[in-house]
Amino acid sequence: MAMDASEIERMIMEGIPGAQVKITDLRGDGDHYAALVESSAFEGIPRVKQHQMVYEALKGKMGDDLHALALQTAVPKV
């Protein structure tokens, strides 16, 4: 079952409060998305850990309901 972009955005924003999230459906099939997640919570944290934080926010949906997610994380520019 495919996930809706708004559901992905909601889950990430709940898991990482204050995050700015932009979701793009790459193929229009509801299965392949790109996500840009900006959060001050990422400051000083290695990129691998940042990505793990996003995957944790998705509560096990990666690889199941959410087939593919091209993920970019960043600390907001001041």
PDB file of N, CA and C in Angstrom:
ATOM      1  N   MET A   1       0.840  -1.175   0.000  1.00  0.00           N
ATOM      2  CA  MET A   1       0.000   0.000   0.000  1.00  0.00           C
ATOM      3  C   MET A   1       0.890   1.246   0.000  1.00  0.00           C
ATOM      4  N   ALA A   2       0.658   2.158  -0.904  1.00  0.00           N
ATOM      5  CA  ALA A   2       1.457   3.378  -1.028  1.00  0.00           C
ATOM      6  C   ALA A   2       1.082   4.377   0.066  1.00  0.00           C
ATOM      7  N   MET A   3       2.034   5.235   0.386  1.00  0.00           N
ATOM      8  CA  MET A   3       1.793   6.298   1.362  1.00  0.00           C
ATOM      9  C   MET A   3       1.576   7.617   0.642  1.00  0.00           C
ATOM     10  N   ASP A   4       0.735   8.446   1.209  1.00  0.00           N
ATOM     11  CA  ASP A   4       0.484   9.779   0.689  1.00  0.00           C
ATOM     12  C   ASP A   4       1.585  10.722   1.168  1.00  0.00           C
ATOM     13  N   ALA A   5       1.988  11.667   0.331  1.00  0.00           N
ATOM     14  CA  ALA A   5       3.048  12.618   0.675  1.00  0.00           C
ATOM     15  C   ALA A   5       2.721  13.385   1.956  1.00  0.00           C
ATOM     16  N   SER A   6       1.462  13.735   2.146  1.00  0.00           N
ATOM     17  CA  SER A   6       1.081  14.484   3.346  1.00  0.00           C
ATOM     18  C   SER A   6       1.254  13.642   4.606  1.00  0.00           C
ATOM     19  N   GLU A   7       1.060  12.348   4.510  1.00  0.00           N
ATOM     20  CA  GLU A   7       1.262  11.446   5.651  1.00  0.00           C
ATOM     21  C   GLU A   7       2.746  11.362   6.004  1.00  0.00           C
ATOM     22  N   ILE A   8       3.596  11.271   5.003  1.00  0.00           N
ATOM     23  CA  ILE A   8       5.049  11.237   5.235  1.00  0.00           C
ATOM     24  C   ILE A   8       5.473  12.533   5.911  1.00  0.00           C
ATOM     25  N   GLU A   9       5.019  13.658   5.389  1.00  0.00           N
ATOM     26  CA  GLU A   9       5.351  14.961   5.956  1.00  0.00           C
ATOM     27  C   GLU A   9       4.881  15.055   7.406  1.00  0.00           C
ATOM     28  N   ARG A  10       3.663  14.641   7.668  1.00  0.00           N
ATOM     29  CA  ARG A  10       3.105  14.697   9.021  1.00  0.00           C
ATOM     30  C   ARG A  10       3.937  13.868   9.996  1.00  0.00           C
ATOM     31  N   MET A  11       4.289  12.651   9.602  1.00  0.00           N
ATOM     32  CA  MET A  11       5.046  11.770  10.480  1.00  0.00           C
ATOM     33  C   MET A  11       6.430  12.352  10.799  1.00  0.00           C
ATOM     34  N   ILE A  12       7.084  12.904   9.794  1.00  0.00           N
ATOM     35  CA  ILE A  12       8.406  13.489  10.024  1.00  0.00           C
ATOM     36  C   ILE A  12       8.293  14.702  10.937  1.00  0.00           C
ATOM     37  N   MET A  13       7.294  15.547  10.706  1.00  0.00           N
ATOM     38  CA  MET A  13       7.129  16.744  11.525  1.00  0.00           C
ATOM     39  C   MET A  13       6.764  16.395  12.966  1.00  0.00           C
ATOM     40  N   GLU A  14       6.027  15.335  13.174  1.00  0.00           N
ATOM     41  CA  GLU A  14       5.711  14.890  14.532  1.00  0.00           C
ATOM     42  C   GLU A  14       6.943  14.311  15.210  1.00  0.00           C
ATOM     43  N   GLY A  15       7.753  13.576  14.458  1.00  0.00           N
ATOM     44  CA  GLY A  15       8.941  12.935  15.012  1.00  0.00           C
ATOM     45  C   GLY A  15      10.098  13.890  15.234  1.00  0.00           C
ATOM     46  N   ILE A  16      10.133  14.966  14.452  1.00  0.00           N
ATOM     47  CA  ILE A  16      11.193  15.972  14.571  1.00  0.00           C
ATOM     48  C   ILE A  16      10.501  17.336  14.631  1.00  0.00           C
ATOM     49  N   PRO A  17      10.007  17.699  15.816  1.00  0.00           N
ATOM     50  CA  PRO A  17       9.265  18.957  15.952  1.00  0.00           C
ATOM     51  C   PRO A  17      10.071  20.166  15.463  1.00  0.00           C
ATOM     52  N   GLY A  18       9.387  21.043  14.750  1.00  0.00           N
ATOM     53  CA  GLY A  18      10.021  22.243  14.224  1.00  0.00           C
ATOM     54  C   GLY A  18      10.714  22.051  12.889  1.00  0.00           C
ATOM     55  N   ALA A  19      10.741  20.823  12.393  1.00  0.00           N
ATOM     56  CA  ALA A  19      11.392  20.547  11.109  1.00  0.00           C
ATOM     57  C   ALA A  19      10.605  21.171   9.956  1.00  0.00           C
ATOM     58  N   GLN A  20      11.329  21.604   8.950  1.00  0.00           N
ATOM     59  CA  GLN A  20      10.741  22.044   7.690  1.00  0.00           C
ATOM     60  C   GLN A  20      10.881  20.862   6.727  1.00  0.00           C
ATOM     61  N   VAL A  21       9.786  20.424   6.149  1.00  0.00           N
ATOM     62  CA  VAL A  21       9.782  19.210   5.337  1.00  0.00           C
ATOM     63  C   VAL A  21       9.197  19.511   3.964  1.00  0.00           C
ATOM     64  N   LYS A  22       9.899  19.070   2.928  1.00  0.00           N
ATOM     65  CA  LYS A  22       9.386  19.171   1.556  1.00  0.00           C
ATOM     66  C   LYS A  22       9.435  17.781   0.948  1.00  0.00           C
ATOM     67  N   ILE A  23       8.278  17.284   0.537  1.00  0.00           N
ATOM     68  CA  ILE A  23       8.159  15.950  -0.052  1.00  0.00           C
ATOM     69  C   ILE A  23       7.814  16.097  -1.532  1.00  0.00           C
ATOM     70  N   THR A  24       8.519  15.345  -2.380  1.00  0.00           N
ATOM     71  CA  THR A  24       8.253  15.334  -3.815  1.00  0.00           C
ATOM     72  C   THR A  24       7.992  13.901  -4.254  1.00  0.00           C
ATOM     73  N   ASP A  25       6.874  13.678  -4.951  1.00  0.00           N
ATOM     74  CA  ASP A  25       6.572  12.361  -5.516  1.00  0.00           C
ATOM     75  C   ASP A  25       7.342  12.256  -6.832  1.00  0.00           C
ATOM     76  N   LEU A  26       8.362  11.414  -6.858  1.00  0.00           N
ATOM     77  CA  LEU A  26       9.278  11.353  -7.995  1.00  0.00           C
ATOM     78  C   LEU A  26       8.676  10.742  -9.252  1.00  0.00           C
ATOM     79  N   ARG A  27       7.759   9.807  -9.085  1.00  0.00           N
ATOM     80  CA  ARG A  27       7.201   9.119 -10.252  1.00  0.00           C
ATOM     81  C   ARG A  27       5.695   9.293 -10.405  1.00  0.00           C
ATOM     82  N   GLY A  28       5.070   9.936  -9.436  1.00  0.00           N
ATOM     83  CA  GLY A  28       3.620  10.086  -9.490  1.00  0.00           C
ATOM     84  C   GLY A  28       2.892   8.813  -9.116  1.00  0.00           C
ATOM     85  N   ASP A  29       3.613   7.845  -8.529  1.00  0.00           N
ATOM     86  CA  ASP A  29       2.992   6.556  -8.202  1.00  0.00           C
ATOM     87  C   ASP A  29       2.736   6.374  -6.705  1.00  0.00           C
ATOM     88  N   GLY A  30       3.093   7.385  -5.890  1.00  0.00           N
ATOM     89  CA  GLY A  30       2.884   7.267  -4.454  1.00  0.00           C
ATOM     90  C   GLY A  30       3.810   6.271  -3.794  1.00  0.00           C
ATOM     91  N   ASP A  31       4.858   5.864  -4.484  1.00  0.00           N
ATOM     92  CA  ASP A  31       5.786   4.854  -3.968  1.00  0.00           C
ATOM     93  C   ASP A  31       7.233   5.336  -3.926  1.00  0.00           C
ATOM     94  N   HIS A  32       7.557   6.341  -4.706  1.00  0.00           N
ATOM     95  CA  HIS A  32       8.935   6.827  -4.818  1.00  0.00           C
ATOM     96  C   HIS A  32       8.957   8.327  -4.535  1.00  0.00           C
ATOM     97  N   TYR A  33       9.528   8.680  -3.392  1.00  0.00           N
ATOM     98  CA  TYR A  33       9.531  10.067  -2.949  1.00  0.00           C
ATOM     99  C   TYR A  33      10.945  10.583  -2.725  1.00  0.00           C
ATOM    100  N   ALA A  34      11.059  11.906  -2.760  1.00  0.00           N
ATOM    101  CA  ALA A  34      12.259  12.592  -2.293  1.00  0.00           C
ATOM    102  C   ALA A  34      11.807  13.467  -1.132  1.00  0.00           C
ATOM    103  N   ALA A  35      12.664  13.564  -0.117  1.00  0.00           N
ATOM    104  CA  ALA A  35      12.339  14.396   1.038  1.00  0.00           C
ATOM    105  C   ALA A  35      13.534  15.279   1.367  1.00  0.00           C
ATOM    106  N   LEU A  36      13.246  16.551   1.606  1.00  0.00           N
ATOM    107  CA  LEU A  36      14.233  17.486   2.127  1.00  0.00           C
ATOM    108  C   LEU A  36      13.741  17.858   3.518  1.00  0.00           C
ATOM    109  N   VAL A  37      14.559  17.549   4.517  1.00  0.00           N
ATOM    110  CA  VAL A  37      14.189  17.818   5.906  1.00  0.00           C
ATOM    111  C   VAL A  37      15.243  18.742   6.507  1.00  0.00           C
ATOM    112  N   GLU A  38      14.811  19.920   6.925  1.00  0.00           N
ATOM    113  CA  GLU A  38      15.693  20.877   7.586  1.00  0.00           C
ATOM    114  C   GLU A  38      15.260  21.004   9.033  1.00  0.00           C
ATOM    115  N   SER A  39      16.241  20.886   9.941  1.00  0.00           N
ATOM    116  CA  SER A  39      15.927  21.001  11.359  1.00  0.00           C
ATOM    117  C   SER A  39      17.147  21.438  12.143  1.00  0.00           C
ATOM    118  N   SER A  40      16.932  22.312  13.102  1.00  0.00           N
ATOM    119  CA  SER A  40      18.020  22.718  13.991  1.00  0.00           C
ATOM    120  C   SER A  40      18.438  21.555  14.883  1.00  0.00           C
ATOM    121  N   ALA A  41      17.587  20.540  15.015  1.00  0.00           N
ATOM    122  CA  ALA A  41      17.922  19.349  15.800  1.00  0.00           C
ATOM    123  C   ALA A  41      19.080  18.577  15.173  1.00  0.00           C
ATOM    124  N   PHE A  42      19.378  18.825  13.897  1.00  0.00           N
ATOM    125  CA  PHE A  42      20.464  18.131  13.204  1.00  0.00           C
ATOM    126  C   PHE A  42      21.835  18.765  13.462  1.00  0.00           C
ATOM    127  N   GLU A  43      21.845  19.945  14.078  1.00  0.00           N
ATOM    128  CA  GLU A  43      23.106  20.657  14.271  1.00  0.00           C
ATOM    129  C   GLU A  43      24.100  19.831  15.084  1.00  0.00           C
ATOM    130  N   GLY A  44      25.299  19.662  14.527  1.00  0.00           N
ATOM    131  CA  GLY A  44      26.362  18.930  15.198  1.00  0.00           C
ATOM    132  C   GLY A  44      26.230  17.416  15.141  1.00  0.00           C
ATOM    133  N   ILE A  45      25.234  16.931  14.411  1.00  0.00           N
ATOM    134  CA  ILE A  45      24.979  15.488  14.319  1.00  0.00           C
ATOM    135  C   ILE A  45      25.415  14.999  12.939  1.00  0.00           C
ATOM    136  N   PRO A  46      26.148  13.881  12.874  1.00  0.00           N
ATOM    137  CA  PRO A  46      26.563  13.337  11.571  1.00  0.00           C
ATOM    138  C   PRO A  46      25.347  13.039  10.677  1.00  0.00           C
ATOM    139  N   ARG A  47      25.567  13.154   9.379  1.00  0.00           N
ATOM    140  CA  ARG A  47      24.472  12.958   8.419  1.00  0.00           C
ATOM    141  C   ARG A  47      23.795  11.586   8.565  1.00  0.00           C
ATOM    142  N   VAL A  48      24.565  10.558   8.837  1.00  0.00           N
ATOM    143  CA  VAL A  48      23.977   9.222   9.004  1.00  0.00           C
ATOM    144  C   VAL A  48      22.962   9.227  10.153  1.00  0.00           C
ATOM    145  N   LYS A  49      23.315   9.868  11.255  1.00  0.00           N
ATOM    146  CA  LYS A  49      22.408   9.960  12.407  1.00  0.00           C
ATOM    147  C   LYS A  49      21.191  10.813  12.069  1.00  0.00           C
ATOM    148  N   GLN A  50      21.389  11.877  11.281  1.00  0.00           N
ATOM    149  CA  GLN A  50      20.262  12.703  10.847  1.00  0.00           C
ATOM    150  C   GLN A  50      19.250  11.855  10.080  1.00  0.00           C
ATOM    151  N   HIS A  51      19.759  11.043   9.159  1.00  0.00           N
ATOM    152  CA  HIS A  51      18.882  10.181   8.361  1.00  0.00           C
ATOM    153  C   HIS A  51      18.192   9.159   9.255  1.00  0.00           C
ATOM    154  N   GLN A  52      18.912   8.629  10.229  1.00  0.00           N
ATOM    155  CA  GLN A  52      18.308   7.676  11.161  1.00  0.00           C
ATOM    156  C   GLN A  52      17.162   8.325  11.932  1.00  0.00           C
ATOM    157  N   MET A  53      17.323   9.591  12.286  1.00  0.00           N
ATOM    158  CA  MET A  53      16.258  10.310  12.990  1.00  0.00           C
ATOM    159  C   MET A  53      14.995  10.396  12.127  1.00  0.00           C
ATOM    160  N   VAL A  54      15.185  10.654  10.834  1.00  0.00           N
ATOM    161  CA  VAL A  54      14.032  10.727   9.923  1.00  0.00           C
ATOM    162  C   VAL A  54      13.385   9.344   9.800  1.00  0.00           C
ATOM    163  N   TYR A  55      14.192   8.304   9.620  1.00  0.00           N
ATOM    164  CA  TYR A  55      13.635   6.951   9.499  1.00  0.00           C
ATOM    165  C   TYR A  55      12.896   6.543  10.766  1.00  0.00           C
ATOM    166  N   GLU A  56      13.420   6.939  11.936  1.00  0.00           N
ATOM    167  CA  GLU A  56      12.732   6.645  13.197  1.00  0.00           C
ATOM    168  C   GLU A  56      11.376   7.340  13.243  1.00  0.00           C
ATOM    169  N   ALA A  57      11.310   8.569  12.720  1.00  0.00           N
ATOM    170  CA  ALA A  57      10.049   9.319  12.688  1.00  0.00           C
ATOM    171  C   ALA A  57       9.016   8.626  11.806  1.00  0.00           C
ATOM    172  N   LEU A  58       9.485   7.855  10.825  1.00  0.00           N
ATOM    173  CA  LEU A  58       8.573   7.152   9.909  1.00  0.00           C
ATOM    174  C   LEU A  58       8.069   5.836  10.498  1.00  0.00           C
ATOM    175  N   LYS A  59       8.510   5.496  11.691  1.00  0.00           N
ATOM    176  CA  LYS A  59       7.976   4.378  12.477  1.00  0.00           C
ATOM    177  C   LYS A  59       7.851   3.072  11.705  1.00  0.00           C
ATOM    178  N   GLY A  60       8.923   2.667  11.051  1.00  0.00           N
ATOM    179  CA  GLY A  60       8.938   1.373  10.380  1.00  0.00           C
ATOM    180  C   GLY A  60       8.234   1.310   9.038  1.00  0.00           C
ATOM    181  N   LYS A  61       7.795   2.431   8.525  1.00  0.00           N
ATOM    182  CA  LYS A  61       7.091   2.442   7.224  1.00  0.00           C
ATOM    183  C   LYS A  61       8.044   2.272   6.039  1.00  0.00           C
ATOM    184  N   MET A  62       9.353   2.641   6.234  1.00  0.00           N
ATOM    185  CA  MET A  62      10.330   2.496   5.146  1.00  0.00           C
ATOM    186  C   MET A  62      10.467   1.035   4.746  1.00  0.00           C
ATOM    187  N   GLY A  63      10.421   0.784   3.447  1.00  0.00           N
ATOM    188  CA  GLY A  63      10.576  -0.565   2.931  1.00  0.00           C
ATOM    189  C   GLY A  63       9.283  -1.357   2.948  1.00  0.00           C
ATOM    190  N   ASP A  64       8.256  -0.822   3.583  1.00  0.00           N
ATOM    191  CA  ASP A  64       6.962  -1.503   3.641  1.00  0.00           C
ATOM    192  C   ASP A  64       5.937  -0.635   2.906  1.00  0.00           C
ATOM    193  N   ASP A  65       5.285   0.259   3.606  1.00  0.00           N
ATOM    194  CA  ASP A  65       4.323   1.165   2.975  1.00  0.00           C
ATOM    195  C   ASP A  65       5.021   2.209   2.103  1.00  0.00           C
ATOM    196  N   LEU A  66       6.258   2.531   2.474  1.00  0.00           N
ATOM    197  CA  LEU A  66       7.042   3.519   1.735  1.00  0.00           C
ATOM    198  C   LEU A  66       8.199   2.796   1.065  1.00  0.00           C
ATOM    199  N   HIS A  67       8.105   2.632  -0.246  1.00  0.00           N
ATOM    200  CA  HIS A  67       9.070   1.820  -0.990  1.00  0.00           C
ATOM    201  C   HIS A  67      10.430   2.490  -1.123  1.00  0.00           C
ATOM    202  N   ALA A  68      10.461   3.757  -1.519  1.00  0.00           N
ATOM    203  CA  ALA A  68      11.745   4.443  -1.770  1.00  0.00           C
ATOM    204  C   ALA A  68      11.655   5.895  -1.341  1.00  0.00           C
ATOM    205  N   LEU A  69      12.715   6.342  -0.645  1.00  0.00           N
ATOM    206  CA  LEU A  69      12.780   7.725  -0.201  1.00  0.00           C
ATOM    207  C   LEU A  69      14.203   8.245  -0.404  1.00  0.00           C
ATOM    208  N   ALA A  70      14.354   9.178  -1.340  1.00  0.00           N
ATOM    209  CA  ALA A  70      15.638   9.855  -1.543  1.00  0.00           C
ATOM    210  C   ALA A  70      15.676  10.970  -0.508  1.00  0.00           C
ATOM    211  N   LEU A  71      16.551  10.851   0.462  1.00  0.00           N
ATOM    212  CA  LEU A  71      16.519  11.720   1.626  1.00  0.00           C
ATOM    213  C   LEU A  71      17.690  12.697   1.650  1.00  0.00           C
ATOM    214  N   GLN A  72      17.375  13.969   1.887  1.00  0.00           N
ATOM    215  CA  GLN A  72      18.380  15.006   2.117  1.00  0.00           C
ATOM    216  C   GLN A  72      18.031  15.661   3.439  1.00  0.00           C
ATOM    217  N   THR A  73      19.039  15.847   4.295  1.00  0.00           N
ATOM    218  CA  THR A  73      18.827  16.533   5.557  1.00  0.00           C
ATOM    219  C   THR A  73      19.779  17.732   5.633  1.00  0.00           C
ATOM    220  N   ALA A  74      19.373  18.736   6.391  1.00  0.00           N
ATOM    221  CA  ALA A  74      20.187  19.932   6.522  1.00  0.00           C
ATOM    222  C   ALA A  74      19.805  20.694   7.782  1.00  0.00           C
ATOM    223  N   VAL A  75      20.761  21.483   8.252  1.00  0.00           N
ATOM    224  CA  VAL A  75      20.514  22.434   9.329  1.00  0.00           C
ATOM    225  C   VAL A  75      20.092  23.734   8.649  1.00  0.00           C
ATOM    226  N   PRO A  76      19.028  24.377   9.132  1.00  0.00           N
ATOM    227  CA  PRO A  76      18.588  25.624   8.491  1.00  0.00           C
ATOM    228  C   PRO A  76      19.705  26.677   8.524  1.00  0.00           C
ATOM    229  N   LYS A  77      19.776  27.450   7.459  1.00  0.00           N
ATOM    230  CA  LYS A  77      20.737  28.557   7.400  1.00  0.00           C
ATOM    231  C   LYS A  77      20.170  29.717   8.210  1.00  0.00           C
ATOM    232  N   VAL A  78      21.032  30.360   8.949  1.00  0.00           N
ATOM    233  CA  VAL A  78      20.581  31.453   9.822  1.00  0.00           C
ATOM    234  C   VAL A  78      20.428  32.731   9.055  1.00  0.00           C
TER     235      VAL A  78
END
